[in-house]
């Protein structure tokens, strides 16, 4: 089991950050190791939307596709991702976004996963914390590019 949790305060609105993370199709433009993304379907379920998407992750000699179910909760500003198929034994990720009284927002990210492949598990174990921090920073840089630099 590999987990990572992070909380960040950013100078953007919760809605802006929610929209950025919900835009799965744009991930290859800014996320490290994300070689491709395809949203296969979306279904509006009233208070939430369910998206099925494939991501292709490319890391060193490994290139793996995995499918996931992404549940978007626009009113609560939450995004839940569940693994469907691919190189993981399991994978869950959660994002939540909350506006702060003093301005900006708080972003909370949590991921829990394990690769099926022992070699991938050993490689990711060595670089995991750095990789997760690079991913979170990539979302921050994307926000800077979309919404203007932080003050």
C-alpha atoms as a PDB file:
ATOM      1  CA  UNK A   1       0.000   0.000   0.000  1.00  0.00           C
ATOM      2  CA  UNK A   2       1.326   3.399  -0.995  1.00  0.00           C
ATOM      3  CA  UNK A   3      -0.409   6.539   0.237  1.00  0.00           C
ATOM      4  CA  UNK A   4       0.155  10.248  -0.004  1.00  0.00           C
ATOM      5  CA  UNK A   5      -1.868  13.136   1.429  1.00  0.00           C
ATOM      6  CA  UNK A   6      -1.265  16.816   0.916  1.00  0.00           C
ATOM      7  CA  UNK A   7      -3.051  20.033   1.784  1.00  0.00           C
ATOM      8  CA  UNK A   8      -2.260  23.271  -0.038  1.00  0.00           C
ATOM      9  CA  UNK A   9      -3.522  26.833   0.242  1.00  0.00           C
ATOM     10  CA  UNK A  10      -3.644  28.502  -3.146  1.00  0.00           C
ATOM     11  CA  UNK A  11      -4.656  32.013  -4.283  1.00  0.00           C
ATOM     12  CA  UNK A  12      -7.386  30.695  -6.583  1.00  0.00           C
ATOM     13  CA  UNK A  13     -11.044  29.954  -5.953  1.00  0.00           C
ATOM     14  CA  UNK A  14     -12.214  26.476  -5.048  1.00  0.00           C
ATOM     15  CA  UNK A  15     -14.220  26.494  -8.296  1.00  0.00           C
ATOM     16  CA  UNK A  16     -11.142  27.281 -10.402  1.00  0.00           C
ATOM     17  CA  UNK A  17      -9.137  24.456  -8.831  1.00  0.00           C
ATOM     18  CA  UNK A  18     -12.067  22.038  -9.039  1.00  0.00           C
ATOM     19  CA  UNK A  19     -12.471  22.829 -12.761  1.00  0.00           C
ATOM     20  CA  UNK A  20      -8.752  22.353 -13.378  1.00  0.00           C
ATOM     21  CA  UNK A  21      -8.622  18.909 -11.718  1.00  0.00           C
ATOM     22  CA  UNK A  22     -11.944  17.837 -13.310  1.00  0.00           C
ATOM     23  CA  UNK A  23     -10.514  18.518 -16.805  1.00  0.00           C
ATOM     24  CA  UNK A  24      -9.008  15.033 -17.136  1.00  0.00           C
ATOM     25  CA  UNK A  25      -8.654  15.311 -20.917  1.00  0.00           C
ATOM     26  CA  UNK A  26      -6.063  18.083 -20.487  1.00  0.00           C
ATOM     27  CA  UNK A  27      -3.760  16.123 -18.153  1.00  0.00           C
ATOM     28  CA  UNK A  28      -1.196  15.210 -20.863  1.00  0.00           C
ATOM     29  CA  UNK A  29      -0.595  18.937 -21.425  1.00  0.00           C
ATOM     30  CA  UNK A  30       0.877  19.459 -17.955  1.00  0.00           C
ATOM     31  CA  UNK A  31       1.114  16.325 -15.793  1.00  0.00           C
ATOM     32  CA  UNK A  32       4.469  14.550 -15.608  1.00  0.00           C
ATOM     33  CA  UNK A  33       4.385  10.965 -16.889  1.00  0.00           C
ATOM     34  CA  UNK A  34       0.884  11.353 -18.367  1.00  0.00           C
ATOM     35  CA  UNK A  35       1.340  10.476 -22.045  1.00  0.00           C
ATOM     36  CA  UNK A  36      -2.352  10.387 -23.012  1.00  0.00           C
ATOM     37  CA  UNK A  37      -5.852  10.817 -21.609  1.00  0.00           C
ATOM     38  CA  UNK A  38      -9.198   9.845 -23.037  1.00  0.00           C
ATOM     39  CA  UNK A  39     -12.588  10.511 -21.524  1.00  0.00           C
ATOM     40  CA  UNK A  40     -14.655   7.530 -22.676  1.00  0.00           C
ATOM     41  CA  UNK A  41     -18.015   8.576 -21.239  1.00  0.00           C
ATOM     42  CA  UNK A  42     -19.742  10.989 -18.902  1.00  0.00           C
ATOM     43  CA  UNK A  43     -23.081  10.542 -17.204  1.00  0.00           C
ATOM     44  CA  UNK A  44     -25.009  13.249 -15.369  1.00  0.00           C
ATOM     45  CA  UNK A  45     -26.608  11.803 -12.244  1.00  0.00           C
ATOM     46  CA  UNK A  46     -28.219  14.969 -10.926  1.00  0.00           C
ATOM     47  CA  UNK A  47     -26.056  15.989  -7.971  1.00  0.00           C
ATOM     48  CA  UNK A  48     -22.912  14.416  -9.456  1.00  0.00           C
ATOM     49  CA  UNK A  49     -21.360  13.335 -12.739  1.00  0.00           C
ATOM     50  CA  UNK A  50     -19.583  10.044 -13.413  1.00  0.00           C
ATOM     51  CA  UNK A  51     -16.792   9.997 -15.970  1.00  0.00           C
ATOM     52  CA  UNK A  52     -14.981   6.918 -17.277  1.00  0.00           C
ATOM     53  CA  UNK A  53     -11.485   7.777 -18.456  1.00  0.00           C
ATOM     54  CA  UNK A  54      -8.264   6.115 -19.538  1.00  0.00           C
ATOM     55  CA  UNK A  55      -4.838   7.541 -18.774  1.00  0.00           C
ATOM     56  CA  UNK A  56      -1.567   6.348 -20.264  1.00  0.00           C
ATOM     57  CA  UNK A  57       1.294   6.671 -17.801  1.00  0.00           C
ATOM     58  CA  UNK A  58       4.833   6.548 -19.166  1.00  0.00           C
ATOM     59  CA  UNK A  59       7.710   6.223 -16.699  1.00  0.00           C
ATOM     60  CA  UNK A  60      11.198   5.159 -17.787  1.00  0.00           C
ATOM     61  CA  UNK A  61      10.718   1.886 -19.719  1.00  0.00           C
ATOM     62  CA  UNK A  62       7.144   1.380 -18.508  1.00  0.00           C
ATOM     63  CA  UNK A  63       4.099   2.525 -20.423  1.00  0.00           C
ATOM     64  CA  UNK A  64       0.783   1.505 -18.909  1.00  0.00           C
ATOM     65  CA  UNK A  65      -2.850   2.354 -19.565  1.00  0.00           C
ATOM     66  CA  UNK A  66      -5.330   2.370 -16.749  1.00  0.00           C
ATOM     67  CA  UNK A  67      -9.023   2.972 -16.611  1.00  0.00           C
ATOM     68  CA  UNK A  68     -10.791   4.842 -13.850  1.00  0.00           C
ATOM     69  CA  UNK A  69     -14.191   6.044 -12.733  1.00  0.00           C
ATOM     70  CA  UNK A  70     -14.089   9.709 -11.792  1.00  0.00           C
ATOM     71  CA  UNK A  71     -16.999  11.010  -9.747  1.00  0.00           C
ATOM     72  CA  UNK A  72     -17.400  14.783  -9.851  1.00  0.00           C
ATOM     73  CA  UNK A  73     -19.334  16.430  -7.010  1.00  0.00           C
ATOM     74  CA  UNK A  74     -19.707  20.076  -8.170  1.00  0.00           C
ATOM     75  CA  UNK A  75     -21.707  21.388  -5.202  1.00  0.00           C
ATOM     76  CA  UNK A  76     -19.354  19.860  -2.622  1.00  0.00           C
ATOM     77  CA  UNK A  77     -16.288  20.661  -4.778  1.00  0.00           C
ATOM     78  CA  UNK A  78     -14.983  17.085  -4.449  1.00  0.00           C
ATOM     79  CA  UNK A  79     -13.574  14.627  -6.959  1.00  0.00           C
ATOM     80  CA  UNK A  80     -13.265  10.890  -6.251  1.00  0.00           C
ATOM     81  CA  UNK A  81     -11.324   8.563  -8.542  1.00  0.00           C
ATOM     82  CA  UNK A  82     -11.599   4.787  -8.436  1.00  0.00           C
ATOM     83  CA  UNK A  83      -9.496   2.310 -10.353  1.00  0.00           C
ATOM     84  CA  UNK A  84     -11.213   0.053 -12.914  1.00  0.00           C
ATOM     85  CA  UNK A  85      -8.442  -1.750 -14.816  1.00  0.00           C
ATOM     86  CA  UNK A  86      -4.744  -1.613 -15.642  1.00  0.00           C
ATOM     87  CA  UNK A  87      -1.470  -2.010 -13.730  1.00  0.00           C
ATOM     88  CA  UNK A  88      -2.806  -1.466 -10.214  1.00  0.00           C
ATOM     89  CA  UNK A  89      -4.024  -3.907  -7.612  1.00  0.00           C
ATOM     90  CA  UNK A  90      -6.158  -0.991  -6.445  1.00  0.00           C
ATOM     91  CA  UNK A  91      -6.130   2.806  -6.600  1.00  0.00           C
ATOM     92  CA  UNK A  92      -8.267   5.519  -5.035  1.00  0.00           C
ATOM     93  CA  UNK A  93      -7.684   9.247  -5.154  1.00  0.00           C
ATOM     94  CA  UNK A  94      -9.684  12.088  -3.637  1.00  0.00           C
ATOM     95  CA  UNK A  95      -9.583  15.836  -4.084  1.00  0.00           C
ATOM     96  CA  UNK A  96     -11.518  18.438  -2.113  1.00  0.00           C
ATOM     97  CA  UNK A  97     -11.575  22.202  -2.577  1.00  0.00           C
ATOM     98  CA  UNK A  98     -12.782  24.846  -0.132  1.00  0.00           C
ATOM     99  CA  UNK A  99     -12.800  28.626  -0.363  1.00  0.00           C
ATOM    100  CA  UNK A 100     -11.041  30.380   2.533  1.00  0.00           C
ATOM    101  CA  UNK A 101     -12.450  33.440   4.330  1.00  0.00           C
ATOM    102  CA  UNK A 102      -9.148  35.287   3.832  1.00  0.00           C
ATOM    103  CA  UNK A 103      -9.205  34.561   0.071  1.00  0.00           C
ATOM    104  CA  UNK A 104      -7.908  31.739  -2.027  1.00  0.00           C
ATOM    105  CA  UNK A 105      -8.747  28.148  -1.336  1.00  0.00           C
ATOM    106  CA  UNK A 106      -7.600  25.018   0.418  1.00  0.00           C
ATOM    107  CA  UNK A 107      -6.927  21.959  -1.737  1.00  0.00           C
ATOM    108  CA  UNK A 108      -6.745  18.535  -0.101  1.00  0.00           C
ATOM    109  CA  UNK A 109      -5.376  15.599  -2.111  1.00  0.00           C
ATOM    110  CA  UNK A 110      -5.135  11.964  -1.027  1.00  0.00           C
ATOM    111  CA  UNK A 111      -4.091   8.915  -3.055  1.00  0.00           C
ATOM    112  CA  UNK A 112      -3.836   5.260  -2.027  1.00  0.00           C
ATOM    113  CA  UNK A 113      -2.645   2.612  -4.499  1.00  0.00           C
ATOM    114  CA  UNK A 114      -0.570  -0.477  -5.125  1.00  0.00           C
ATOM    115  CA  UNK A 115       0.845  -1.735  -8.423  1.00  0.00           C
ATOM    116  CA  UNK A 116       0.342  -5.376  -9.426  1.00  0.00           C
ATOM    117  CA  UNK A 117       3.870  -5.566 -10.861  1.00  0.00           C
ATOM    118  CA  UNK A 118       6.585  -6.045  -8.204  1.00  0.00           C
ATOM    119  CA  UNK A 119       9.166  -4.210 -10.327  1.00  0.00           C
ATOM    120  CA  UNK A 120       6.895  -1.154 -10.664  1.00  0.00           C
ATOM    121  CA  UNK A 121       6.225  -1.293  -6.904  1.00  0.00           C
ATOM    122  CA  UNK A 122       9.950  -1.254  -6.143  1.00  0.00           C
ATOM    123  CA  UNK A 123      10.706   1.566  -8.597  1.00  0.00           C
ATOM    124  CA  UNK A 124       7.830   3.764  -7.437  1.00  0.00           C
ATOM    125  CA  UNK A 125       8.721   3.101  -3.799  1.00  0.00           C
ATOM    126  CA  UNK A 126      12.061   4.818  -4.281  1.00  0.00           C
ATOM    127  CA  UNK A 127      10.692   7.938  -5.971  1.00  0.00           C
ATOM    128  CA  UNK A 128       7.109   7.999  -4.682  1.00  0.00           C
ATOM    129  CA  UNK A 129       7.145  11.103  -2.464  1.00  0.00           C
ATOM    130  CA  UNK A 130       9.064  13.104  -5.049  1.00  0.00           C
ATOM    131  CA  UNK A 131       6.666  11.927  -7.775  1.00  0.00           C
ATOM    132  CA  UNK A 132       3.558  12.921  -5.794  1.00  0.00           C
ATOM    133  CA  UNK A 133       5.031  16.345  -4.988  1.00  0.00           C
ATOM    134  CA  UNK A 134       5.867  16.862  -8.676  1.00  0.00           C
ATOM    135  CA  UNK A 135       2.280  16.001  -9.625  1.00  0.00           C
ATOM    136  CA  UNK A 136       0.797  18.430  -7.085  1.00  0.00           C
ATOM    137  CA  UNK A 137       3.237  21.146  -8.239  1.00  0.00           C
ATOM    138  CA  UNK A 138       2.184  20.470 -11.848  1.00  0.00           C
ATOM    139  CA  UNK A 139      -1.427  21.263 -10.920  1.00  0.00           C
ATOM    140  CA  UNK A 140      -0.245  24.462  -9.202  1.00  0.00           C
ATOM    141  CA  UNK A 141       1.748  25.520 -12.281  1.00  0.00           C
ATOM    142  CA  UNK A 142      -1.262  24.766 -14.473  1.00  0.00           C
ATOM    143  CA  UNK A 143      -3.392  27.021 -12.248  1.00  0.00           C
ATOM    144  CA  UNK A 144      -0.762  29.768 -12.595  1.00  0.00           C
ATOM    145  CA  UNK A 145      -0.879  29.385 -16.394  1.00  0.00           C
ATOM    146  CA  UNK A 146      -4.684  29.385 -16.572  1.00  0.00           C
ATOM    147  CA  UNK A 147      -5.584  31.918 -13.888  1.00  0.00           C
ATOM    148  CA  UNK A 148      -2.516  34.115 -13.560  1.00  0.00           C
ATOM    149  CA  UNK A 149       0.608  33.855 -11.411  1.00  0.00           C
ATOM    150  CA  UNK A 150       0.320  33.640  -7.654  1.00  0.00           C
ATOM    151  CA  UNK A 151       0.870  36.794  -5.652  1.00  0.00           C
END
